[in-house]
PDB file of N, CA and C in Angstrom:
ATOM      1  N   MET A   1      42.774 -41.374  -1.982  1.00  0.00           N
ATOM      2  CA  MET A   1      41.453 -41.322  -1.422  1.00  0.00           C
ATOM      3  C   MET A   1      40.995 -39.892  -1.260  1.00  0.00           C
ATOM      4  N   LEU A   2      41.900 -38.989  -0.907  1.00  0.00           N
ATOM      5  CA  LEU A   2      41.537 -37.590  -0.785  1.00  0.00           C
ATOM      6  C   LEU A   2      41.112 -37.021  -2.128  1.00  0.00           C
ATOM      7  N   GLN A   3      41.751 -37.414  -3.184  1.00  0.00           N
ATOM      8  CA  GLN A   3      41.415 -36.911  -4.506  1.00  0.00           C
ATOM      9  C   GLN A   3      40.020 -37.350  -4.920  1.00  0.00           C
ATOM     10  N   GLU A   4      39.604 -38.556  -4.537  1.00  0.00           N
ATOM     11  CA  GLU A   4      38.298 -39.060  -4.927  1.00  0.00           C
ATOM     12  C   GLU A   4      37.167 -38.307  -4.227  1.00  0.00           C
ATOM     13  N   MET A   5      37.378 -37.805  -3.037  1.00  0.00           N
ATOM     14  CA  MET A   5      36.346 -37.137  -2.288  1.00  0.00           C
ATOM     15  C   MET A   5      36.237 -35.660  -2.650  1.00  0.00           C
ATOM     16  N   GLY A   6      37.063 -35.220  -3.557  1.00  0.00           N
ATOM     17  CA  GLY A   6      36.964 -33.844  -3.987  1.00  0.00           C
ATOM     18  C   GLY A   6      37.884 -32.916  -3.228  1.00  0.00           C
ATOM     19  N   GLY A   7      38.617 -33.415  -2.298  1.00  0.00           N
ATOM     20  CA  GLY A   7      39.531 -32.569  -1.545  1.00  0.00           C
ATOM     21  C   GLY A   7      40.948 -32.872  -1.945  1.00  0.00           C
ATOM     22  N   GLY A   8      41.735 -31.893  -1.998  1.00  0.00           N
ATOM     23  CA  GLY A   8      43.130 -32.086  -2.326  1.00  0.00           C
ATOM     24  C   GLY A   8      43.954 -31.194  -1.429  1.00  0.00           C
ATOM     25  N   PRO A   9      45.234 -31.251  -1.559  1.00  0.00           N
ATOM     26  CA  PRO A   9      46.065 -30.443  -0.695  1.00  0.00           C
ATOM     27  C   PRO A   9      45.848 -28.938  -0.916  1.00  0.00           C
ATOM     28  N   GLY A  10      45.469 -28.535  -2.125  1.00  0.00           N
ATOM     29  CA  GLY A  10      45.318 -27.105  -2.394  1.00  0.00           C
ATOM     30  C   GLY A  10      43.896 -26.594  -2.249  1.00  0.00           C
ATOM     31  N   THR A  11      42.906 -27.458  -2.081  1.00  0.00           N
ATOM     32  CA  THR A  11      41.510 -27.011  -2.010  1.00  0.00           C
ATOM     33  C   THR A  11      41.036 -26.985  -0.565  1.00  0.00           C
ATOM     34  N   PRO A  12      40.429 -25.886  -0.146  1.00  0.00           N
ATOM     35  CA  PRO A  12      39.919 -25.840   1.228  1.00  0.00           C
ATOM     36  C   PRO A  12      38.689 -26.729   1.373  1.00  0.00           C
ATOM     37  N   THR A  13      38.507 -27.275   2.531  1.00  0.00           N
ATOM     38  CA  THR A  13      37.392 -28.184   2.775  1.00  0.00           C
ATOM     39  C   THR A  13      36.259 -27.510   3.546  1.00  0.00           C
ATOM     40  N   THR A  14      36.292 -26.172   3.683  1.00  0.00           N
ATOM     41  CA  THR A  14      35.229 -25.485   4.410  1.00  0.00           C
ATOM     42  C   THR A  14      33.973 -25.450   3.553  1.00  0.00           C
ATOM     43  N   PRO A  15      32.825 -25.679   4.163  1.00  0.00           N
ATOM     44  CA  PRO A  15      31.584 -25.624   3.387  1.00  0.00           C
ATOM     45  C   PRO A  15      31.289 -24.189   2.969  1.00  0.00           C
ATOM     46  N   ALA A  16      30.548 -24.035   1.875  1.00  0.00           N
ATOM     47  CA  ALA A  16      30.190 -22.706   1.386  1.00  0.00           C
ATOM     48  C   ALA A  16      29.279 -22.022   2.402  1.00  0.00           C
ATOM     49  N   ALA A  17      29.570 -20.765   2.660  1.00  0.00           N
ATOM     50  CA  ALA A  17      28.758 -20.011   3.623  1.00  0.00           C
ATOM     51  C   ALA A  17      27.369 -19.786   3.051  1.00  0.00           C
ATOM     52  N   GLN A  18      26.372 -19.925   3.909  1.00  0.00           N
ATOM     53  CA  GLN A  18      25.007 -19.696   3.465  1.00  0.00           C
ATOM     54  C   GLN A  18      24.764 -18.200   3.341  1.00  0.00           C
ATOM     55  N   THR A  19      24.015 -17.825   2.340  1.00  0.00           N
ATOM     56  CA  THR A  19      23.663 -16.428   2.159  1.00  0.00           C
ATOM     57  C   THR A  19      22.630 -16.048   3.202  1.00  0.00           C
ATOM     58  N   ARG A  20      22.845 -14.910   3.828  1.00  0.00           N
ATOM     59  CA  ARG A  20      21.933 -14.435   4.869  1.00  0.00           C
ATOM     60  C   ARG A  20      21.084 -13.302   4.301  1.00  0.00           C
ATOM     61  N   PHE A  21      19.759 -13.440   4.361  1.00  0.00           N
ATOM     62  CA  PHE A  21      18.836 -12.434   3.863  1.00  0.00           C
ATOM     63  C   PHE A  21      18.233 -11.659   5.029  1.00  0.00           C
ATOM     64  N   SER A  22      17.839 -10.424   4.757  1.00  0.00           N
ATOM     65  CA  SER A  22      17.149  -9.626   5.776  1.00  0.00           C
ATOM     66  C   SER A  22      15.756 -10.206   6.009  1.00  0.00           C
ATOM     67  N   ALA A  23      15.110  -9.745   7.076  1.00  0.00           N
ATOM     68  CA  ALA A  23      13.793 -10.279   7.427  1.00  0.00           C
ATOM     69  C   ALA A  23      12.759 -10.019   6.333  1.00  0.00           C
ATOM     70  N   ASP A  24      12.875  -8.882   5.638  1.00  0.00           N
ATOM     71  CA  ASP A  24      11.913  -8.577   4.577  1.00  0.00           C
ATOM     72  C   ASP A  24      12.282  -9.224   3.252  1.00  0.00           C
ATOM     73  N   GLY A  25      13.493  -9.785   3.137  1.00  0.00           N
ATOM     74  CA  GLY A  25      13.908 -10.473   1.928  1.00  0.00           C
ATOM     75  C   GLY A  25      14.415  -9.562   0.820  1.00  0.00           C
ATOM     76  N   PHE A  26      14.551  -8.281   1.102  1.00  0.00           N
ATOM     77  CA  PHE A  26      14.991  -7.341   0.069  1.00  0.00           C
ATOM     78  C   PHE A  26      16.504  -7.102   0.082  1.00  0.00           C
ATOM     79  N   TRP A  27      17.223  -7.644   1.077  1.00  0.00           N
ATOM     80  CA  TRP A  27      18.668  -7.434   1.197  1.00  0.00           C
ATOM     81  C   TRP A  27      19.343  -8.756   1.528  1.00  0.00           C
ATOM     82  N   TRP A  28      20.626  -8.886   1.132  1.00  0.00           N
ATOM     83  CA  TRP A  28      21.409 -10.057   1.495  1.00  0.00           C
ATOM     84  C   TRP A  28      22.783  -9.603   1.953  1.00  0.00           C
ATOM     85  N   TRP A  29      23.368 -10.361   2.863  1.00  0.00           N
ATOM     86  CA  TRP A  29      24.660 -10.027   3.462  1.00  0.00           C
ATOM     87  C   TRP A  29      25.755 -10.758   2.719  1.00  0.00           C
ATOM     88  N   ASP A  30      26.732 -10.021   2.182  1.00  0.00           N
ATOM     89  CA  ASP A  30      27.815 -10.648   1.422  1.00  0.00           C
ATOM     90  C   ASP A  30      29.049 -10.906   2.274  1.00  0.00           C
ATOM     91  N   GLY A  31      28.951 -10.684   3.569  1.00  0.00           N
ATOM     92  CA  GLY A  31      30.076 -10.883   4.465  1.00  0.00           C
ATOM     93  C   GLY A  31      30.663  -9.574   4.945  1.00  0.00           C
ATOM     94  N   SER A  32      30.427  -8.498   4.203  1.00  0.00           N
ATOM     95  CA  SER A  32      30.951  -7.201   4.632  1.00  0.00           C
ATOM     96  C   SER A  32      29.913  -6.081   4.516  1.00  0.00           C
ATOM     97  N   ALA A  33      28.870  -6.262   3.703  1.00  0.00           N
ATOM     98  CA  ALA A  33      27.859  -5.207   3.537  1.00  0.00           C
ATOM     99  C   ALA A  33      26.551  -5.824   3.058  1.00  0.00           C
ATOM    100  N   TRP A  34      25.458  -5.113   3.311  1.00  0.00           N
ATOM    101  CA  TRP A  34      24.150  -5.536   2.817  1.00  0.00           C
ATOM    102  C   TRP A  34      24.014  -5.103   1.368  1.00  0.00           C
ATOM    103  N   LYS A  35      23.600  -6.018   0.524  1.00  0.00           N
ATOM    104  CA  LYS A  35      23.406  -5.761  -0.907  1.00  0.00           C
ATOM    105  C   LYS A  35      21.934  -5.976  -1.251  1.00  0.00           C
ATOM    106  N   PRO A  36      21.417  -5.262  -2.246  1.00  0.00           N
ATOM    107  CA  PRO A  36      20.012  -5.487  -2.624  1.00  0.00           C
ATOM    108  C   PRO A  36      19.816  -6.885  -3.211  1.00  0.00           C
ATOM    109  N   ALA A  37      18.748  -7.549  -2.792  1.00  0.00           N
ATOM    110  CA  ALA A  37      18.444  -8.889  -3.289  1.00  0.00           C
ATOM    111  C   ALA A  37      17.554  -8.831  -4.523  1.00  0.00           C
ATOM    112  N   LEU A  38      17.033  -7.660  -4.846  1.00  0.00           N
ATOM    113  CA  LEU A  38      16.214  -7.474  -6.042  1.00  0.00           C
ATOM    114  C   LEU A  38      16.909  -6.502  -6.967  1.00  0.00           C
ATOM    115  N   SER A  39      16.766  -6.723  -8.264  1.00  0.00           N
ATOM    116  CA  SER A  39      17.315  -5.776  -9.221  1.00  0.00           C
ATOM    117  C   SER A  39      16.509  -4.482  -9.152  1.00  0.00           C
ATOM    118  N   GLU A  40      17.024  -3.417  -9.753  1.00  0.00           N
ATOM    119  CA  GLU A  40      16.343  -2.124  -9.685  1.00  0.00           C
ATOM    120  C   GLU A  40      14.942  -2.184 -10.280  1.00  0.00           C
ATOM    121  N   ASP A  41      14.758  -2.988 -11.327  1.00  0.00           N
ATOM    122  CA  ASP A  41      13.435  -3.105 -11.938  1.00  0.00           C
ATOM    123  C   ASP A  41      12.582  -4.193 -11.273  1.00  0.00           C
ATOM    124  N   ARG A  42      13.110  -4.843 -10.244  1.00  0.00           N
ATOM    125  CA  ARG A  42      12.433  -5.890  -9.463  1.00  0.00           C
ATOM    126  C   ARG A  42      12.053  -7.122 -10.296  1.00  0.00           C
ATOM    127  N   LEU A  43      12.699  -7.308 -11.418  1.00  0.00           N
ATOM    128  CA  LEU A  43      12.408  -8.470 -12.251  1.00  0.00           C
ATOM    129  C   LEU A  43      13.334  -9.648 -11.924  1.00  0.00           C
ATOM    130  N   TRP A  44      14.457  -9.389 -11.238  1.00  0.00           N
ATOM    131  CA  TRP A  44      15.420 -10.430 -10.910  1.00  0.00           C
ATOM    132  C   TRP A  44      15.680 -10.440  -9.417  1.00  0.00           C
ATOM    133  N   ARG A  45      15.883 -11.649  -8.855  1.00  0.00           N
ATOM    134  CA  ARG A  45      16.137 -11.821  -7.428  1.00  0.00           C
ATOM    135  C   ARG A  45      17.419 -12.630  -7.250  1.00  0.00           C
ATOM    136  N   TRP A  46      18.243 -12.219  -6.291  1.00  0.00           N
ATOM    137  CA  TRP A  46      19.470 -12.944  -5.954  1.00  0.00           C
ATOM    138  C   TRP A  46      19.105 -14.082  -5.005  1.00  0.00           C
ATOM    139  N   ASN A  47      19.462 -15.318  -5.367  1.00  0.00           N
ATOM    140  CA  ASN A  47      19.112 -16.472  -4.538  1.00  0.00           C
ATOM    141  C   ASN A  47      20.256 -16.932  -3.651  1.00  0.00           C
ATOM    142  N   GLY A  48      21.370 -16.225  -3.685  1.00  0.00           N
ATOM    143  CA  GLY A  48      22.540 -16.593  -2.892  1.00  0.00           C
ATOM    144  C   GLY A  48      23.693 -17.056  -3.747  1.00  0.00           C
ATOM    145  N   ARG A  49      23.396 -17.500  -4.971  1.00  0.00           N
ATOM    146  CA  ARG A  49      24.441 -17.954  -5.891  1.00  0.00           C
ATOM    147  C   ARG A  49      24.333 -17.301  -7.257  1.00  0.00           C
ATOM    148  N   ALA A  50      23.095 -16.993  -7.685  1.00  0.00           N
ATOM    149  CA  ALA A  50      22.899 -16.429  -9.021  1.00  0.00           C
ATOM    150  C   ALA A  50      21.596 -15.649  -9.052  1.00  0.00           C
ATOM    151  N   TRP A  51      21.444 -14.831 -10.090  1.00  0.00           N
ATOM    152  CA  TRP A  51      20.197 -14.077 -10.287  1.00  0.00           C
ATOM    153  C   TRP A  51      19.172 -14.980 -10.958  1.00  0.00           C
ATOM    154  N   GLU A  52      17.936 -14.938 -10.467  1.00  0.00           N
ATOM    155  CA  GLU A  52      16.853 -15.717 -11.055  1.00  0.00           C
ATOM    156  C   GLU A  52      15.641 -14.798 -11.221  1.00  0.00           C
ATOM    157  N   PRO A  53      14.714 -15.143 -12.100  1.00  0.00           N
ATOM    158  CA  PRO A  53      13.525 -14.291 -12.271  1.00  0.00           C
ATOM    159  C   PRO A  53      12.760 -14.162 -10.958  1.00  0.00           C
ATOM    160  N   SER A  54      12.351 -12.958 -10.672  1.00  0.00           N
ATOM    161  CA  SER A  54      11.635 -12.687  -9.423  1.00  0.00           C
ATOM    162  C   SER A  54      10.187 -13.117  -9.532  1.00  0.00           C
ATOM    163  N   ARG A  55       9.642 -13.587  -8.427  1.00  0.00           N
ATOM    164  CA  ARG A  55       8.225 -13.950  -8.388  1.00  0.00           C
ATOM    165  C   ARG A  55       7.386 -12.803  -7.847  1.00  0.00           C
ATOM    166  N   LEU A  56       8.040 -11.731  -7.399  1.00  0.00           N
ATOM    167  CA  LEU A  56       7.315 -10.582  -6.876  1.00  0.00           C
ATOM    168  C   LEU A  56       6.766  -9.743  -8.023  1.00  0.00           C
ATOM    169  N   PRO A  57       5.594  -9.122  -7.874  1.00  0.00           N
ATOM    170  CA  PRO A  57       5.111  -8.220  -8.914  1.00  0.00           C
ATOM    171  C   PRO A  57       5.972  -6.972  -8.943  1.00  0.00           C
ATOM    172  N   PRO A  58       6.078  -6.301 -10.092  1.00  0.00           N
ATOM    173  CA  PRO A  58       6.837  -5.051 -10.156  1.00  0.00           C
ATOM    174  C   PRO A  58       6.287  -4.033  -9.169  1.00  0.00           C
ATOM    175  N   ALA A  59       7.118  -3.086  -8.760  1.00  0.00           N
ATOM    176  CA  ALA A  59       6.754  -2.136  -7.703  1.00  0.00           C
ATOM    177  C   ALA A  59       5.520  -1.319  -8.042  1.00  0.00           C
ATOM    178  N   GLY A  60       5.305  -0.984  -9.302  1.00  0.00           N
ATOM    179  CA  GLY A  60       4.181  -0.133  -9.672  1.00  0.00           C
ATOM    180  C   GLY A  60       2.848  -0.855  -9.726  1.00  0.00           C
ATOM    181  N   SER A  61       2.857  -2.155  -9.813  1.00  0.00           N
ATOM    182  CA  SER A  61       1.586  -2.867  -9.941  1.00  0.00           C
ATOM    183  C   SER A  61       0.960  -3.084  -8.578  1.00  0.00           C
ATOM    184  N   SER A  62      -0.346  -3.118  -8.559  1.00  0.00           N
ATOM    185  CA  SER A  62      -1.057  -3.333  -7.303  1.00  0.00           C
ATOM    186  C   SER A  62      -1.739  -4.692  -7.359  1.00  0.00           C
ATOM    187  N   GLY A  63      -1.907  -5.269  -6.207  1.00  0.00           N
ATOM    188  CA  GLY A  63      -2.506  -6.594  -6.126  1.00  0.00           C
ATOM    189  C   GLY A  63      -4.001  -6.546  -6.331  1.00  0.00           C
ATOM    190  N   PRO A  64      -4.662  -7.700  -6.270  1.00  0.00           N
ATOM    191  CA  PRO A  64      -6.106  -7.744  -6.495  1.00  0.00           C
ATOM    192  C   PRO A  64      -6.900  -7.043  -5.411  1.00  0.00           C
ATOM    193  N   GLY A  65      -6.339  -6.893  -4.223  1.00  0.00           N
ATOM    194  CA  GLY A  65      -7.048  -6.244  -3.135  1.00  0.00           C
ATOM    195  C   GLY A  65      -7.115  -4.734  -3.277  1.00  0.00           C
ATOM    196  N   ALA A  66      -6.245  -4.158  -4.093  1.00  0.00           N
ATOM    197  CA  ALA A  66      -6.225  -2.700  -4.233  1.00  0.00           C
ATOM    198  C   ALA A  66      -7.494  -2.195  -4.910  1.00  0.00           C
ATOM    199  N   GLY A  67      -7.983  -2.893  -5.916  1.00  0.00           N
ATOM    200  CA  GLY A  67      -9.221  -2.483  -6.589  1.00  0.00           C
ATOM    201  C   GLY A  67     -10.410  -2.549  -5.654  1.00  0.00           C
ATOM    202  N   ALA A  68     -10.454  -3.587  -4.848  1.00  0.00           N
ATOM    203  CA  ALA A  68     -11.551  -3.713  -3.881  1.00  0.00           C
ATOM    204  C   ALA A  68     -11.486  -2.607  -2.839  1.00  0.00           C
ATOM    205  N   ALA A  69     -10.282  -2.277  -2.389  1.00  0.00           N
ATOM    206  CA  ALA A  69     -10.135  -1.213  -1.390  1.00  0.00           C
ATOM    207  C   ALA A  69     -10.565   0.135  -1.960  1.00  0.00           C
ATOM    208  N   ILE A  70     -10.216   0.400  -3.210  1.00  0.00           N
ATOM    209  CA  ILE A  70     -10.626   1.658  -3.847  1.00  0.00           C
ATOM    210  C   ILE A  70     -12.138   1.687  -4.008  1.00  0.00           C
ATOM    211  N   GLY A  71     -12.715   0.583  -4.436  1.00  0.00           N
ATOM    212  CA  GLY A  71     -14.168   0.508  -4.596  1.00  0.00           C
ATOM    213  C   GLY A  71     -14.904   0.727  -3.293  1.00  0.00           C
ATOM    214  N   ILE A  72     -14.409   0.121  -2.225  1.00  0.00           N
ATOM    215  CA  ILE A  72     -15.042   0.293  -0.911  1.00  0.00           C
ATOM    216  C   ILE A  72     -14.923   1.741  -0.452  1.00  0.00           C
ATOM    217  N   THR A  73     -13.763   2.349  -0.662  1.00  0.00           N
ATOM    218  CA  THR A  73     -13.567   3.745  -0.266  1.00  0.00           C
ATOM    219  C   THR A  73     -14.519   4.667  -1.006  1.00  0.00           C
ATOM    220  N   VAL A  74     -14.661   4.474  -2.312  1.00  0.00           N
ATOM    221  CA  VAL A  74     -15.578   5.306  -3.099  1.00  0.00           C
ATOM    222  C   VAL A  74     -17.020   5.084  -2.643  1.00  0.00           C
ATOM    223  N   ALA A  75     -17.402   3.845  -2.398  1.00  0.00           N
ATOM    224  CA  ALA A  75     -18.765   3.550  -1.952  1.00  0.00           C
ATOM    225  C   ALA A  75     -19.058   4.184  -0.595  1.00  0.00           C
ATOM    226  N   VAL A  76     -18.104   4.125   0.317  1.00  0.00           N
ATOM    227  CA  VAL A  76     -18.294   4.746   1.628  1.00  0.00           C
ATOM    228  C   VAL A  76     -18.407   6.260   1.490  1.00  0.00           C
ATOM    229  N   PHE A  77     -17.578   6.852   0.641  1.00  0.00           N
ATOM    230  CA  PHE A  77     -17.638   8.302   0.428  1.00  0.00           C
ATOM    231  C   PHE A  77     -19.018   8.714  -0.085  1.00  0.00           C
ATOM    232  N   PHE A  78     -19.510   8.037  -1.116  1.00  0.00           N
ATOM    233  CA  PHE A  78     -20.833   8.384  -1.653  1.00  0.00           C
ATOM    234  C   PHE A  78     -21.939   8.065  -0.650  1.00  0.00           C
ATOM    235  N   GLY A  79     -21.767   7.036   0.152  1.00  0.00           N
ATOM    236  CA  GLY A  79     -22.738   6.738   1.200  1.00  0.00           C
ATOM    237  C   GLY A  79     -22.832   7.863   2.223  1.00  0.00           C
ATOM    238  N   VAL A  80     -21.695   8.408   2.607  1.00  0.00           N
ATOM    239  CA  VAL A  80     -21.681   9.527   3.548  1.00  0.00           C
ATOM    240  C   VAL A  80     -22.329  10.759   2.922  1.00  0.00           C
ATOM    241  N   VAL A  81     -22.046  11.022   1.643  1.00  0.00           N
ATOM    242  CA  VAL A  81     -22.653  12.169   0.954  1.00  0.00           C
ATOM    243  C   VAL A  81     -24.171  12.011   0.916  1.00  0.00           C
ATOM    244  N   VAL A  82     -24.666  10.838   0.597  1.00  0.00           N
ATOM    245  CA  VAL A  82     -26.111  10.597   0.549  1.00  0.00           C
ATOM    246  C   VAL A  82     -26.718  10.753   1.938  1.00  0.00           C
ATOM    247  N   LEU A  83     -26.074  10.222   2.959  1.00  0.00           N
ATOM    248  CA  LEU A  83     -26.585  10.329   4.329  1.00  0.00           C
ATOM    249  C   LEU A  83     -26.665  11.787   4.775  1.00  0.00           C
ATOM    250  N   VAL A  84     -25.627  12.562   4.510  1.00  0.00           N
ATOM    251  CA  VAL A  84     -25.642  13.985   4.875  1.00  0.00           C
ATOM    252  C   VAL A  84     -26.735  14.709   4.095  1.00  0.00           C
ATOM    253  N   SER A  85     -26.921  14.390   2.835  1.00  0.00           N
ATOM    254  CA  SER A  85     -27.979  15.025   2.039  1.00  0.00           C
ATOM    255  C   SER A  85     -29.357  14.718   2.618  1.00  0.00           C
ATOM    256  N   ILE A  86     -29.589  13.498   3.012  1.00  0.00           N
ATOM    257  CA  ILE A  86     -30.883  13.125   3.597  1.00  0.00           C
ATOM    258  C   ILE A  86     -31.117  13.882   4.906  1.00  0.00           C
ATOM    259  N   VAL A  87     -30.096  13.974   5.738  1.00  0.00           N
ATOM    260  CA  VAL A  87     -30.228  14.695   7.009  1.00  0.00           C
ATOM    261  C   VAL A  87     -30.544  16.166   6.751  1.00  0.00           C
ATOM    262  N   VAL A  88     -29.872  16.792   5.785  1.00  0.00           N
ATOM    263  CA  VAL A  88     -30.120  18.205   5.471  1.00  0.00           C
ATOM    264  C   VAL A  88     -31.546  18.391   4.960  1.00  0.00           C
ATOM    265  N   VAL A  89     -32.010  17.506   4.100  1.00  0.00           N
ATOM    266  CA  VAL A  89     -33.374  17.622   3.568  1.00  0.00           C
ATOM    267  C   VAL A  89     -34.397  17.479   4.691  1.00  0.00           C
ATOM    268  N   VAL A  90     -34.200  16.521   5.591  1.00  0.00           N
ATOM    269  CA  VAL A  90     -35.129  16.335   6.708  1.00  0.00           C
ATOM    270  C   VAL A  90     -35.144  17.576   7.599  1.00  0.00           C
ATOM    271  N   ILE A  91     -33.991  18.137   7.891  1.00  0.00           N
ATOM    272  CA  ILE A  91     -33.929  19.345   8.721  1.00  0.00           C
ATOM    273  C   ILE A  91     -34.643  20.506   8.037  1.00  0.00           C
ATOM    274  N   LEU A  92     -34.395  20.674   6.735  1.00  0.00           N
ATOM    275  CA  LEU A  92     -35.050  21.768   6.015  1.00  0.00           C
ATOM    276  C   LEU A  92     -36.566  21.581   5.968  1.00  0.00           C
ATOM    277  N   LEU A  93     -37.035  20.356   5.788  1.00  0.00           N
ATOM    278  CA  LEU A  93     -38.481  20.123   5.736  1.00  0.00           C
ATOM    279  C   LEU A  93     -39.153  20.335   7.092  1.00  0.00           C
ATOM    280  N   THR A  94     -38.476  19.939   8.165  1.00  0.00           N
ATOM    281  CA  THR A  94     -39.093  20.094   9.490  1.00  0.00           C
ATOM    282  C   THR A  94     -39.029  21.526   9.997  1.00  0.00           C
ATOM    283  N   MET A  95     -38.071  22.296   9.533  1.00  0.00           N
ATOM    284  CA  MET A  95     -37.917  23.666  10.022  1.00  0.00           C
ATOM    285  C   MET A  95     -38.251  24.714   8.962  1.00  0.00           C
ATOM    286  N   ALA A  96     -38.884  24.308   7.866  1.00  0.00           N
ATOM    287  CA  ALA A  96     -39.162  25.233   6.770  1.00  0.00           C
ATOM    288  C   ALA A  96     -40.007  26.417   7.223  1.00  0.00           C
ATOM    289  N   ASN A  97     -41.036  26.191   8.042  1.00  0.00           N
ATOM    290  CA  ASN A  97     -41.892  27.285   8.509  1.00  0.00           C
ATOM    291  C   ASN A  97     -41.117  28.271   9.369  1.00  0.00           C
ATOM    292  N   GLN A  98     -40.209  27.785  10.180  1.00  0.00           N
ATOM    293  CA  GLN A  98     -39.420  28.682  11.021  1.00  0.00           C
ATOM    294  C   GLN A  98     -38.471  29.524  10.175  1.00  0.00           C
ATOM    295  N   PHE A  99     -37.861  28.904   9.155  1.00  0.00           N
ATOM    296  CA  PHE A  99     -36.978  29.669   8.262  1.00  0.00           C
ATOM    297  C   PHE A  99     -37.772  30.732   7.515  1.00  0.00           C
ATOM    298  N   ALA A 100     -38.960  30.371   7.034  1.00  0.00           N
ATOM    299  CA  ALA A 100     -39.802  31.336   6.318  1.00  0.00           C
ATOM    300  C   ALA A 100     -40.186  32.485   7.240  1.00  0.00           C
ATOM    301  N   ASN A 101     -40.488  32.193   8.488  1.00  0.00           N
ATOM    302  CA  ASN A 101     -40.846  33.225   9.450  1.00  0.00           C
ATOM    303  C   ASN A 101     -39.667  34.166   9.698  1.00  0.00           C
ATOM    304  N   VAL A 102     -38.464  33.630   9.833  1.00  0.00           N
ATOM    305  CA  VAL A 102     -37.273  34.459  10.049  1.00  0.00           C
ATOM    306  C   VAL A 102     -37.048  35.365   8.851  1.00  0.00           C
ATOM    307  N   PHE A 103     -37.134  34.832   7.634  1.00  0.00           N
ATOM    308  CA  PHE A 103     -36.901  35.648   6.443  1.00  0.00           C
ATOM    309  C   PHE A 103     -37.979  36.715   6.278  1.00  0.00           C
ATOM    310  N   SER A 104     -39.231  36.381   6.599  1.00  0.00           N
ATOM    311  CA  SER A 104     -40.289  37.405   6.482  1.00  0.00           C
ATOM    312  C   SER A 104     -40.077  38.490   7.528  1.00  0.00           C
ATOM    313  N   ASN A 105     -39.616  38.134   8.717  1.00  0.00           N
ATOM    314  CA  ASN A 105     -39.340  39.146   9.739  1.00  0.00           C
ATOM    315  C   ASN A 105     -38.179  40.055   9.317  1.00  0.00           C
ATOM    316  N   VAL A 106     -37.161  39.500   8.707  1.00  0.00           N
ATOM    317  CA  VAL A 106     -36.047  40.293   8.227  1.00  0.00           C
ATOM    318  C   VAL A 106     -36.495  41.204   7.108  1.00  0.00           C
ATOM    319  N   ALA A 107     -37.280  40.674   6.173  1.00  0.00           N
ATOM    320  CA  ALA A 107     -37.766  41.497   5.066  1.00  0.00           C
ATOM    321  C   ALA A 107     -38.662  42.614   5.574  1.00  0.00           C
ATOM    322  N   ALA A 108     -39.503  42.332   6.544  1.00  0.00           N
ATOM    323  CA  ALA A 108     -40.378  43.351   7.115  1.00  0.00           C
ATOM    324  C   ALA A 108     -39.560  44.418   7.834  1.00  0.00           C
ATOM    325  N   ALA A 109     -38.513  43.997   8.528  1.00  0.00           N
ATOM    326  CA  ALA A 109     -37.677  44.967   9.243  1.00  0.00           C
ATOM    327  C   ALA A 109     -36.913  45.851   8.272  1.00  0.00           C
ATOM    328  N   LEU A 110     -36.494  45.317   7.141  1.00  0.00           N
ATOM    329  CA  LEU A 110     -35.774  46.123   6.152  1.00  0.00           C
ATOM    330  C   LEU A 110     -36.696  47.105   5.452  1.00  0.00           C
ATOM    331  N   ASN A 111     -38.003  46.782   5.311  1.00  0.00           N
ATOM    332  CA  ASN A 111     -38.945  47.640   4.609  1.00  0.00           C
ATOM    333  C   ASN A 111     -39.587  48.696   5.526  1.00  0.00           C
ATOM    334  N   SER A 112     -39.441  48.562   6.821  1.00  0.00           N
ATOM    335  CA  SER A 112     -40.063  49.532   7.736  1.00  0.00           C
ATOM    336  C   SER A 112     -39.205  50.800   7.826  1.00  0.00           C
ATOM    337  N   PRO A 113     -39.930  51.968   7.997  1.00  0.00           N
ATOM    338  CA  PRO A 113     -39.162  53.234   8.054  1.00  0.00           C
ATOM    339  C   PRO A 113     -38.401  53.445   9.341  1.00  0.00           C
TER     340      PRO A 113
END
């Protein structure tokens, strides 16, 4: 009866230990040390018994949100540049007579003996 159940006098009956992964899923515990759960090229993942193709994108690739974030950043940058330009133009237009008066006074002072 023992032979039918897969156990014999020479085979241990302890269940296989479950593989323990780190919280981020990038490491697994082999019983004595943490080992990487992803291959160096991130194309293969250790599932606890064997290597299988990874579902994670390679490290160099960016997700779909990265393009949107770059676009928003560029748009905000140009928006700030346009806003500052408008403020400078408004200031120059409202104070143009005062600037002209200052420059004419300086020019007159430089030309006087």
